[in-house]
Every structure is written in C-alpha cells, then in structure tokens.
Amino acid sequence: MRKTVAAHVPMHAVAYARAMQTLDGIKMEKKSKRLVWRFLRSSKTAKFGSLELSPGLTLHLEPLVTEVWDRTRIYLETRHEHLAVDPEILGGEPILKGTRITCQSVLGRIEGGETVDDLVEDYPEISKEAFEAALVYAKAHPPRGRPASGKPWRKAA
C-alpha cells in the first residue's frame, strides 16, 4: 500500500498570496516581492504593520492580510479538532470526527444549494465550526483524478 503525504501551505504563504492578489495590477519588482515574502515569513503574530519597500514606497500589510491570516489560523485550529483521516474509515477519505460524513459530501451539499445552517439542522450534534472546517478542507483539497462528469473540455466547444 502506498503512503501519500499531504502537503500543506504555511500560513505566511497564504498571507503572501492574499497580499499579491490584492495588489493585482500594481507592478512590483522581484526584490520587493522577496522583501514582502521574508517579512511575512518572519511574522509570528497577526500584527503586520507596514513595510518600506523603497524610499517613499511603503506597503501597509495590516489591512491586506489580517483577515485571511485570522481565517487561516482558525481553520488550522478547527481542522485538527473536527476532521479526521483514518485509512480504516471510508478508505482514508477525510471525514468529520465521529461520523462517516466526508468533507466532499459537505461541499456537495453546499454546492447543491444547502447552507451550513441547513446541515447543522440536519445534524444537531455537529457544530457549525466543524461543517465550516470540512467545507474549507474540501475546497482546498479537490479529489484527484478526472472529474466525475467525464470530459468537461467537450462541453466547452
């Protein structure tokens, strides 16, 4: 049996991606991008402040990345609390702890028009945070292989 290793993106990489997405359309030199990367990588808290890229050019990171940093931190905490991967349960498919509800099935129900509150109503023993963690996990870890719908490129023509 082949053991798979899950790669997780570090929090500072999420903050960096958010900063670069927010600055879309603003041309930055590689040197400036490296400065932002190193600054975020060295940050241990959510207090980012400002970074002087060059004389007269200051990047205020606080409003750019604080929200995504906080959401990522909360997700990482709740992921370990509410989600489980056990090869003995559904072949190792990520599930909500103590259930056989997969993260992908939570995503499927949400994409089908239901809300997280609908899921909590159906499963009152499972917290809203658990469903939200499963939803984020499913979006961040799409299933490998071909899409279930067959050959989507044929529909594009």
N, C-alpha and C. Protein backbone atom coordinates (compact mmCIF):
# COMPACT_ATOMS: atom_id res chain seq x y z
N MET A 1 0.84 -1.19 0.00
CA MET A 1 0.00 0.00 0.00
C MET A 1 0.88 1.24 0.00
N ARG A 2 0.54 2.18 -0.82
CA ARG A 2 1.32 3.38 -1.00
C ARG A 2 0.88 4.45 -0.01
N LYS A 3 1.83 5.01 0.69
CA LYS A 3 1.52 6.06 1.65
C LYS A 3 1.60 7.42 0.97
N THR A 4 0.55 8.21 1.08
CA THR A 4 0.56 9.54 0.48
C THR A 4 0.85 10.57 1.56
N VAL A 5 1.57 11.58 1.18
CA VAL A 5 1.92 12.65 2.09
C VAL A 5 1.18 13.90 1.65
N ALA A 6 0.44 14.48 2.57
CA ALA A 6 -0.30 15.69 2.24
C ALA A 6 0.61 16.90 2.44
N ALA A 7 0.65 17.75 1.47
CA ALA A 7 1.43 18.99 1.57
C ALA A 7 0.50 20.11 2.00
N HIS A 8 0.90 20.84 3.00
CA HIS A 8 0.09 21.95 3.49
C HIS A 8 0.86 23.24 3.28
N VAL A 9 0.16 24.23 2.85
CA VAL A 9 0.75 25.54 2.61
C VAL A 9 0.87 26.26 3.95
N PRO A 10 2.05 26.81 4.25
CA PRO A 10 2.21 27.52 5.53
C PRO A 10 1.38 28.80 5.55
N MET A 11 1.05 29.26 6.76
CA MET A 11 0.20 30.44 6.92
C MET A 11 0.78 31.67 6.23
N HIS A 12 2.09 31.86 6.32
CA HIS A 12 2.67 33.06 5.72
C HIS A 12 2.53 33.04 4.19
N ALA A 13 2.46 31.84 3.60
CA ALA A 13 2.27 31.75 2.15
C ALA A 13 0.86 32.17 1.77
N VAL A 14 -0.10 31.86 2.63
CA VAL A 14 -1.49 32.29 2.39
C VAL A 14 -1.56 33.81 2.48
N ALA A 15 -0.90 34.38 3.47
CA ALA A 15 -0.89 35.84 3.62
C ALA A 15 -0.20 36.50 2.43
N TYR A 16 0.90 35.92 1.97
CA TYR A 16 1.62 36.47 0.82
C TYR A 16 0.73 36.43 -0.43
N ALA A 17 0.08 35.30 -0.66
CA ALA A 17 -0.80 35.17 -1.83
C ALA A 17 -1.92 36.20 -1.78
N ARG A 18 -2.46 36.43 -0.61
CA ARG A 18 -3.53 37.42 -0.45
C ARG A 18 -3.00 38.83 -0.74
N ALA A 19 -1.82 39.14 -0.24
CA ALA A 19 -1.25 40.46 -0.48
C ALA A 19 -1.02 40.68 -1.97
N MET A 20 -0.46 39.68 -2.64
CA MET A 20 -0.20 39.81 -4.08
C MET A 20 -1.50 39.88 -4.88
N GLN A 21 -2.52 39.16 -4.45
CA GLN A 21 -3.82 39.22 -5.12
C GLN A 21 -4.43 40.61 -4.96
N THR A 22 -4.32 41.17 -3.79
CA THR A 22 -4.87 42.50 -3.52
C THR A 22 -4.14 43.56 -4.33
N LEU A 23 -2.85 43.37 -4.55
CA LEU A 23 -2.05 44.34 -5.30
C LEU A 23 -2.08 44.08 -6.80
N ASP A 24 -3.01 43.26 -7.25
CA ASP A 24 -3.13 42.93 -8.67
C ASP A 24 -3.19 44.21 -9.50
N GLY A 25 -2.37 44.26 -10.52
CA GLY A 25 -2.34 45.44 -11.37
C GLY A 25 -1.22 46.39 -11.01
N ILE A 26 -0.64 46.22 -9.83
CA ILE A 26 0.49 47.05 -9.41
C ILE A 26 1.76 46.27 -9.69
N LYS A 27 2.61 46.84 -10.49
CA LYS A 27 3.87 46.18 -10.89
C LYS A 27 4.86 46.27 -9.74
N MET A 28 5.33 45.11 -9.28
CA MET A 28 6.35 45.08 -8.23
C MET A 28 7.58 44.35 -8.74
N GLU A 29 8.73 44.84 -8.37
CA GLU A 29 9.97 44.18 -8.73
C GLU A 29 10.13 42.91 -7.89
N LYS A 30 10.94 41.97 -8.39
CA LYS A 30 11.21 40.74 -7.65
C LYS A 30 11.78 41.04 -6.27
N LYS A 31 12.64 42.03 -6.22
CA LYS A 31 13.28 42.41 -4.96
C LYS A 31 12.22 42.80 -3.92
N SER A 32 11.22 43.56 -4.34
CA SER A 32 10.15 43.99 -3.43
C SER A 32 9.29 42.81 -3.01
N LYS A 33 9.01 41.91 -3.95
CA LYS A 33 8.23 40.72 -3.61
C LYS A 33 8.97 39.86 -2.60
N ARG A 34 10.29 39.75 -2.77
CA ARG A 34 11.09 38.97 -1.81
C ARG A 34 11.04 39.60 -0.42
N LEU A 35 11.09 40.94 -0.38
CA LEU A 35 11.00 41.63 0.91
C LEU A 35 9.68 41.33 1.60
N VAL A 36 8.59 41.36 0.85
CA VAL A 36 7.27 41.07 1.41
C VAL A 36 7.25 39.62 1.92
N TRP A 37 7.77 38.70 1.10
CA TRP A 37 7.80 37.28 1.48
C TRP A 37 8.59 37.08 2.78
N ARG A 38 9.77 37.64 2.87
CA ARG A 38 10.60 37.47 4.07
C ARG A 38 9.95 38.11 5.30
N PHE A 39 9.35 39.28 5.08
CA PHE A 39 8.68 39.97 6.19
C PHE A 39 7.52 39.13 6.73
N LEU A 40 6.69 38.60 5.84
CA LEU A 40 5.56 37.78 6.29
C LEU A 40 6.04 36.47 6.90
N ARG A 41 7.08 35.89 6.34
CA ARG A 41 7.60 34.62 6.85
C ARG A 41 8.16 34.78 8.26
N SER A 42 8.70 35.93 8.55
CA SER A 42 9.26 36.16 9.89
C SER A 42 8.19 36.57 10.90
N SER A 43 6.98 36.89 10.44
CA SER A 43 5.91 37.31 11.34
C SER A 43 5.37 36.12 12.11
N LYS A 44 5.31 36.26 13.41
CA LYS A 44 4.77 35.20 14.26
C LYS A 44 3.38 35.54 14.78
N THR A 45 2.98 36.78 14.61
CA THR A 45 1.67 37.21 15.08
C THR A 45 0.91 37.86 13.93
N ALA A 46 -0.30 38.29 14.22
CA ALA A 46 -1.14 38.91 13.21
C ALA A 46 -0.94 40.43 13.16
N LYS A 47 0.10 40.94 13.80
CA LYS A 47 0.40 42.37 13.77
C LYS A 47 1.45 42.61 12.70
N PHE A 48 1.00 43.01 11.53
CA PHE A 48 1.92 43.12 10.41
C PHE A 48 2.49 44.52 10.22
N GLY A 49 1.69 45.52 10.46
CA GLY A 49 2.18 46.87 10.31
C GLY A 49 2.51 47.21 8.86
N SER A 50 3.61 47.95 8.68
CA SER A 50 4.00 48.44 7.35
C SER A 50 5.41 47.99 7.03
N LEU A 51 5.67 47.92 5.74
CA LEU A 51 6.99 47.51 5.25
C LEU A 51 7.43 48.54 4.22
N GLU A 52 8.61 49.13 4.44
CA GLU A 52 9.14 50.10 3.49
C GLU A 52 9.89 49.35 2.39
N LEU A 53 9.35 49.41 1.19
CA LEU A 53 9.95 48.71 0.06
C LEU A 53 11.08 49.51 -0.56
N SER A 54 10.94 50.81 -0.58
CA SER A 54 11.98 51.72 -1.07
C SER A 54 11.64 53.10 -0.50
N PRO A 55 12.57 54.03 -0.57
CA PRO A 55 12.26 55.37 -0.05
C PRO A 55 11.01 55.95 -0.73
N GLY A 56 10.03 56.26 0.09
CA GLY A 56 8.79 56.84 -0.45
C GLY A 56 7.74 55.81 -0.82
N LEU A 57 8.06 54.52 -0.72
CA LEU A 57 7.10 53.47 -1.06
C LEU A 57 6.96 52.52 0.13
N THR A 58 5.83 52.64 0.80
CA THR A 58 5.55 51.82 1.97
C THR A 58 4.31 50.97 1.71
N LEU A 59 4.40 49.71 2.04
CA LEU A 59 3.28 48.79 1.87
C LEU A 59 2.67 48.52 3.23
N HIS A 60 1.40 48.89 3.39
CA HIS A 60 0.69 48.67 4.64
C HIS A 60 0.04 47.28 4.57
N LEU A 61 0.64 46.32 5.23
CA LEU A 61 0.19 44.94 5.14
C LEU A 61 -1.00 44.64 6.05
N GLU A 62 -1.14 45.40 7.10
CA GLU A 62 -2.21 45.13 8.07
C GLU A 62 -3.58 44.98 7.41
N PRO A 63 -4.04 45.95 6.61
CA PRO A 63 -5.37 45.79 6.01
C PRO A 63 -5.42 44.75 4.90
N LEU A 64 -4.26 44.40 4.33
CA LEU A 64 -4.25 43.45 3.22
C LEU A 64 -4.38 42.00 3.68
N VAL A 65 -3.72 41.65 4.77
CA VAL A 65 -3.62 40.23 5.10
C VAL A 65 -4.21 39.81 6.45
N THR A 66 -4.61 40.74 7.28
CA THR A 66 -5.07 40.38 8.63
C THR A 66 -6.26 39.44 8.59
N GLU A 67 -7.25 39.73 7.76
CA GLU A 67 -8.45 38.88 7.71
C GLU A 67 -8.12 37.46 7.28
N VAL A 68 -7.34 37.30 6.21
CA VAL A 68 -7.02 35.96 5.73
C VAL A 68 -6.12 35.23 6.73
N TRP A 69 -5.24 35.95 7.42
CA TRP A 69 -4.38 35.35 8.43
C TRP A 69 -5.24 34.78 9.56
N ASP A 70 -6.20 35.57 10.03
CA ASP A 70 -7.08 35.12 11.11
C ASP A 70 -7.93 33.93 10.68
N ARG A 71 -8.49 33.98 9.47
CA ARG A 71 -9.30 32.87 8.98
C ARG A 71 -8.46 31.59 8.83
N THR A 72 -7.23 31.74 8.37
CA THR A 72 -6.35 30.58 8.21
C THR A 72 -6.01 29.98 9.58
N ARG A 73 -5.70 30.83 10.55
CA ARG A 73 -5.38 30.36 11.90
C ARG A 73 -6.56 29.60 12.50
N ILE A 74 -7.75 30.15 12.36
CA ILE A 74 -8.96 29.49 12.89
C ILE A 74 -9.18 28.16 12.20
N TYR A 75 -9.01 28.13 10.87
CA TYR A 75 -9.18 26.87 10.14
C TYR A 75 -8.19 25.81 10.61
N LEU A 76 -6.93 26.19 10.77
CA LEU A 76 -5.93 25.20 11.20
C LEU A 76 -6.24 24.64 12.58
N GLU A 77 -6.75 25.49 13.47
CA GLU A 77 -7.13 25.02 14.80
C GLU A 77 -8.35 24.09 14.74
N THR A 78 -9.36 24.48 13.97
CA THR A 78 -10.57 23.68 13.91
C THR A 78 -10.41 22.41 13.08
N ARG A 79 -9.51 22.43 12.10
CA ARG A 79 -9.28 21.25 11.27
C ARG A 79 -8.87 20.07 12.13
N HIS A 80 -7.92 20.28 13.03
CA HIS A 80 -7.46 19.19 13.88
C HIS A 80 -8.50 18.78 14.91
N GLU A 81 -9.33 19.71 15.29
CA GLU A 81 -10.36 19.43 16.29
C GLU A 81 -11.54 18.66 15.70
N HIS A 82 -11.91 18.95 14.45
CA HIS A 82 -13.15 18.43 13.89
C HIS A 82 -13.01 17.43 12.75
N LEU A 83 -11.84 17.34 12.12
CA LEU A 83 -11.68 16.47 10.96
C LEU A 83 -10.73 15.32 11.27
N ALA A 84 -10.96 14.20 10.58
CA ALA A 84 -10.11 13.02 10.78
C ALA A 84 -9.87 12.33 9.45
N VAL A 85 -8.69 11.72 9.34
CA VAL A 85 -8.36 10.89 8.19
C VAL A 85 -7.87 9.56 8.77
N ASP A 86 -8.63 8.52 8.53
CA ASP A 86 -8.29 7.19 9.04
C ASP A 86 -8.44 6.19 7.91
N PRO A 87 -7.37 5.48 7.57
CA PRO A 87 -7.45 4.51 6.46
C PRO A 87 -8.51 3.43 6.69
N GLU A 88 -8.91 3.21 7.92
CA GLU A 88 -9.92 2.21 8.24
C GLU A 88 -11.34 2.72 8.03
N ILE A 89 -11.50 4.02 7.87
CA ILE A 89 -12.83 4.61 7.69
C ILE A 89 -12.91 5.19 6.29
N LEU A 90 -13.78 4.65 5.48
CA LEU A 90 -14.00 5.11 4.11
C LEU A 90 -12.70 5.22 3.31
N GLY A 91 -11.80 4.31 3.55
CA GLY A 91 -10.55 4.26 2.79
C GLY A 91 -9.65 5.45 2.98
N GLY A 92 -9.78 6.15 4.10
CA GLY A 92 -8.92 7.30 4.38
C GLY A 92 -9.47 8.62 3.88
N GLU A 93 -10.70 8.61 3.41
CA GLU A 93 -11.35 9.86 2.97
C GLU A 93 -11.53 10.77 4.19
N PRO A 94 -11.16 12.07 4.09
CA PRO A 94 -11.32 12.98 5.23
C PRO A 94 -12.79 13.10 5.64
N ILE A 95 -13.04 12.94 6.93
CA ILE A 95 -14.40 12.95 7.46
C ILE A 95 -14.51 13.88 8.67
N LEU A 96 -15.74 14.17 9.05
CA LEU A 96 -16.00 14.85 10.31
C LEU A 96 -15.80 13.81 11.42
N LYS A 97 -15.03 14.14 12.44
CA LYS A 97 -14.72 13.20 13.51
C LYS A 97 -15.99 12.62 14.11
N GLY A 98 -15.96 11.32 14.34
CA GLY A 98 -17.07 10.64 14.98
C GLY A 98 -18.24 10.34 14.05
N THR A 99 -18.07 10.60 12.76
CA THR A 99 -19.13 10.35 11.79
C THR A 99 -18.54 9.66 10.57
N ARG A 100 -19.38 9.40 9.60
CA ARG A 100 -18.93 8.93 8.29
C ARG A 100 -19.29 9.97 7.23
N ILE A 101 -19.41 11.21 7.66
CA ILE A 101 -19.72 12.32 6.74
C ILE A 101 -18.40 12.85 6.19
N THR A 102 -18.23 12.74 4.88
CA THR A 102 -16.98 13.19 4.27
C THR A 102 -17.00 14.70 4.02
N CYS A 103 -15.80 15.26 3.94
CA CYS A 103 -15.67 16.68 3.63
C CYS A 103 -16.24 16.98 2.25
N GLN A 104 -15.99 16.06 1.29
CA GLN A 104 -16.50 16.26 -0.07
C GLN A 104 -18.03 16.23 -0.09
N SER A 105 -18.66 15.42 0.76
CA SER A 105 -20.13 15.39 0.78
C SER A 105 -20.69 16.69 1.35
N VAL A 106 -19.97 17.29 2.30
CA VAL A 106 -20.39 18.60 2.82
C VAL A 106 -20.32 19.63 1.69
N LEU A 107 -19.22 19.62 0.95
CA LEU A 107 -19.09 20.54 -0.19
C LEU A 107 -20.18 20.30 -1.22
N GLY A 108 -20.47 19.03 -1.51
CA GLY A 108 -21.52 18.70 -2.48
C GLY A 108 -22.88 19.24 -2.07
N ARG A 109 -23.19 19.14 -0.78
CA ARG A 109 -24.48 19.65 -0.31
C ARG A 109 -24.54 21.17 -0.39
N ILE A 110 -23.43 21.83 -0.08
CA ILE A 110 -23.39 23.29 -0.16
C ILE A 110 -23.52 23.72 -1.62
N GLU A 111 -22.79 23.05 -2.51
CA GLU A 111 -22.90 23.38 -3.94
C GLU A 111 -24.27 23.05 -4.49
N GLY A 112 -24.98 22.15 -3.84
CA GLY A 112 -26.33 21.78 -4.25
C GLY A 112 -27.40 22.75 -3.77
N GLY A 113 -26.98 23.78 -3.04
CA GLY A 113 -27.94 24.81 -2.65
C GLY A 113 -28.24 24.87 -1.17
N GLU A 114 -27.74 23.95 -0.40
CA GLU A 114 -27.98 24.00 1.04
C GLU A 114 -27.01 24.97 1.70
N THR A 115 -27.30 25.33 2.93
CA THR A 115 -26.42 26.21 3.69
C THR A 115 -25.83 25.43 4.86
N VAL A 116 -24.82 26.01 5.49
CA VAL A 116 -24.22 25.37 6.66
C VAL A 116 -25.27 25.24 7.76
N ASP A 117 -26.14 26.24 7.88
CA ASP A 117 -27.20 26.16 8.88
C ASP A 117 -28.15 24.99 8.61
N ASP A 118 -28.41 24.69 7.33
CA ASP A 118 -29.23 23.51 6.98
C ASP A 118 -28.55 22.23 7.46
N LEU A 119 -27.25 22.15 7.29
CA LEU A 119 -26.50 20.97 7.73
C LEU A 119 -26.54 20.83 9.25
N VAL A 120 -26.39 21.94 9.95
CA VAL A 120 -26.45 21.92 11.42
C VAL A 120 -27.84 21.48 11.87
N GLU A 121 -28.85 21.90 11.16
CA GLU A 121 -30.22 21.50 11.48
C GLU A 121 -30.41 19.99 11.28
N ASP A 122 -29.81 19.45 10.20
CA ASP A 122 -29.89 18.01 9.94
C ASP A 122 -29.08 17.18 10.93
N TYR A 123 -27.95 17.73 11.37
CA TYR A 123 -27.05 17.04 12.30
C TYR A 123 -26.78 17.94 13.50
N PRO A 124 -27.72 18.06 14.44
CA PRO A 124 -27.55 18.99 15.56
C PRO A 124 -26.37 18.64 16.47
N GLU A 125 -25.89 17.40 16.41
CA GLU A 125 -24.76 17.01 17.26
C GLU A 125 -23.42 17.49 16.70
N ILE A 126 -23.42 18.03 15.49
CA ILE A 126 -22.20 18.52 14.85
C ILE A 126 -22.25 20.04 14.81
N SER A 127 -21.15 20.66 15.23
CA SER A 127 -21.11 22.12 15.31
C SER A 127 -20.97 22.77 13.94
N LYS A 128 -21.35 24.02 13.90
CA LYS A 128 -21.23 24.82 12.67
C LYS A 128 -19.75 24.93 12.28
N GLU A 129 -18.87 25.09 13.26
CA GLU A 129 -17.44 25.20 13.00
C GLU A 129 -16.90 23.94 12.32
N ALA A 130 -17.43 22.78 12.72
CA ALA A 130 -16.99 21.52 12.11
C ALA A 130 -17.37 21.49 10.63
N PHE A 131 -18.59 21.88 10.31
CA PHE A 131 -19.01 21.92 8.91
C PHE A 131 -18.20 22.94 8.10
N GLU A 132 -17.92 24.09 8.71
CA GLU A 132 -17.12 25.11 8.02
C GLU A 132 -15.70 24.62 7.77
N ALA A 133 -15.12 23.91 8.73
CA ALA A 133 -13.77 23.34 8.54
C ALA A 133 -13.79 22.30 7.42
N ALA A 134 -14.83 21.47 7.39
CA ALA A 134 -14.95 20.45 6.33
C ALA A 134 -15.10 21.11 4.97
N LEU A 135 -15.85 22.19 4.92
CA LEU A 135 -16.06 22.91 3.66
C LEU A 135 -14.76 23.52 3.14
N VAL A 136 -14.01 24.16 4.02
CA VAL A 136 -12.74 24.75 3.62
C VAL A 136 -11.78 23.64 3.18
N TYR A 137 -11.74 22.54 3.92
CA TYR A 137 -10.86 21.43 3.57
C TYR A 137 -11.21 20.89 2.17
N ALA A 138 -12.50 20.68 1.93
CA ALA A 138 -12.92 20.12 0.64
C ALA A 138 -12.58 21.06 -0.52
N LYS A 139 -12.73 22.35 -0.31
CA LYS A 139 -12.40 23.31 -1.36
C LYS A 139 -10.90 23.36 -1.61
N ALA A 140 -10.11 23.23 -0.54
CA ALA A 140 -8.66 23.31 -0.66
C ALA A 140 -8.02 22.01 -1.13
N HIS A 141 -8.75 20.89 -1.01
CA HIS A 141 -8.22 19.58 -1.39
C HIS A 141 -9.19 18.88 -2.34
N PRO A 142 -9.26 19.33 -3.59
CA PRO A 142 -10.18 18.67 -4.52
C PRO A 142 -9.73 17.23 -4.76
N PRO A 143 -10.67 16.34 -5.10
CA PRO A 143 -10.29 14.95 -5.34
C PRO A 143 -9.35 14.84 -6.54
N ARG A 144 -8.44 13.88 -6.45
CA ARG A 144 -7.50 13.66 -7.55
C ARG A 144 -8.17 12.88 -8.66
N GLY A 145 -7.59 12.98 -9.83
CA GLY A 145 -8.10 12.21 -10.96
C GLY A 145 -9.01 13.03 -11.85
N ARG A 146 -9.64 12.33 -12.75
CA ARG A 146 -10.55 13.00 -13.68
C ARG A 146 -11.82 13.46 -12.99
N PRO A 147 -12.41 14.52 -13.49
CA PRO A 147 -13.68 14.97 -12.92
C PRO A 147 -14.74 13.89 -13.12
N ALA A 148 -15.67 13.81 -12.19
CA ALA A 148 -16.72 12.80 -12.26
C ALA A 148 -17.63 13.01 -13.47
N SER A 149 -17.65 14.20 -14.00
CA SER A 149 -18.55 14.50 -15.12
C SER A 149 -18.02 14.01 -16.46
N GLY A 150 -16.90 13.31 -16.45
CA GLY A 150 -16.38 12.78 -17.71
C GLY A 150 -15.36 13.68 -18.34
N LYS A 151 -15.65 14.19 -19.51
CA LYS A 151 -14.71 15.01 -20.26
C LYS A 151 -15.26 16.43 -20.40
N PRO A 152 -14.98 17.29 -19.38
CA PRO A 152 -15.59 18.63 -19.39
C PRO A 152 -15.13 19.50 -20.56
N TRP A 153 -13.98 19.19 -21.16
CA TRP A 153 -13.49 20.00 -22.26
C TRP A 153 -14.39 19.88 -23.50
N ARG A 154 -15.12 18.81 -23.59
CA ARG A 154 -16.04 18.66 -24.74
C ARG A 154 -17.24 19.60 -24.62
N LYS A 155 -17.63 19.91 -23.40
CA LYS A 155 -18.76 20.81 -23.19
C LYS A 155 -18.40 22.24 -23.54
N ALA A 156 -17.12 22.57 -23.52
CA ALA A 156 -16.67 23.93 -23.77
C ALA A 156 -16.83 24.33 -25.23
N ALA A 157 -16.85 23.36 -26.14
CA ALA A 157 -16.92 23.67 -27.57
C ALA A 157 -18.30 23.98 -28.05
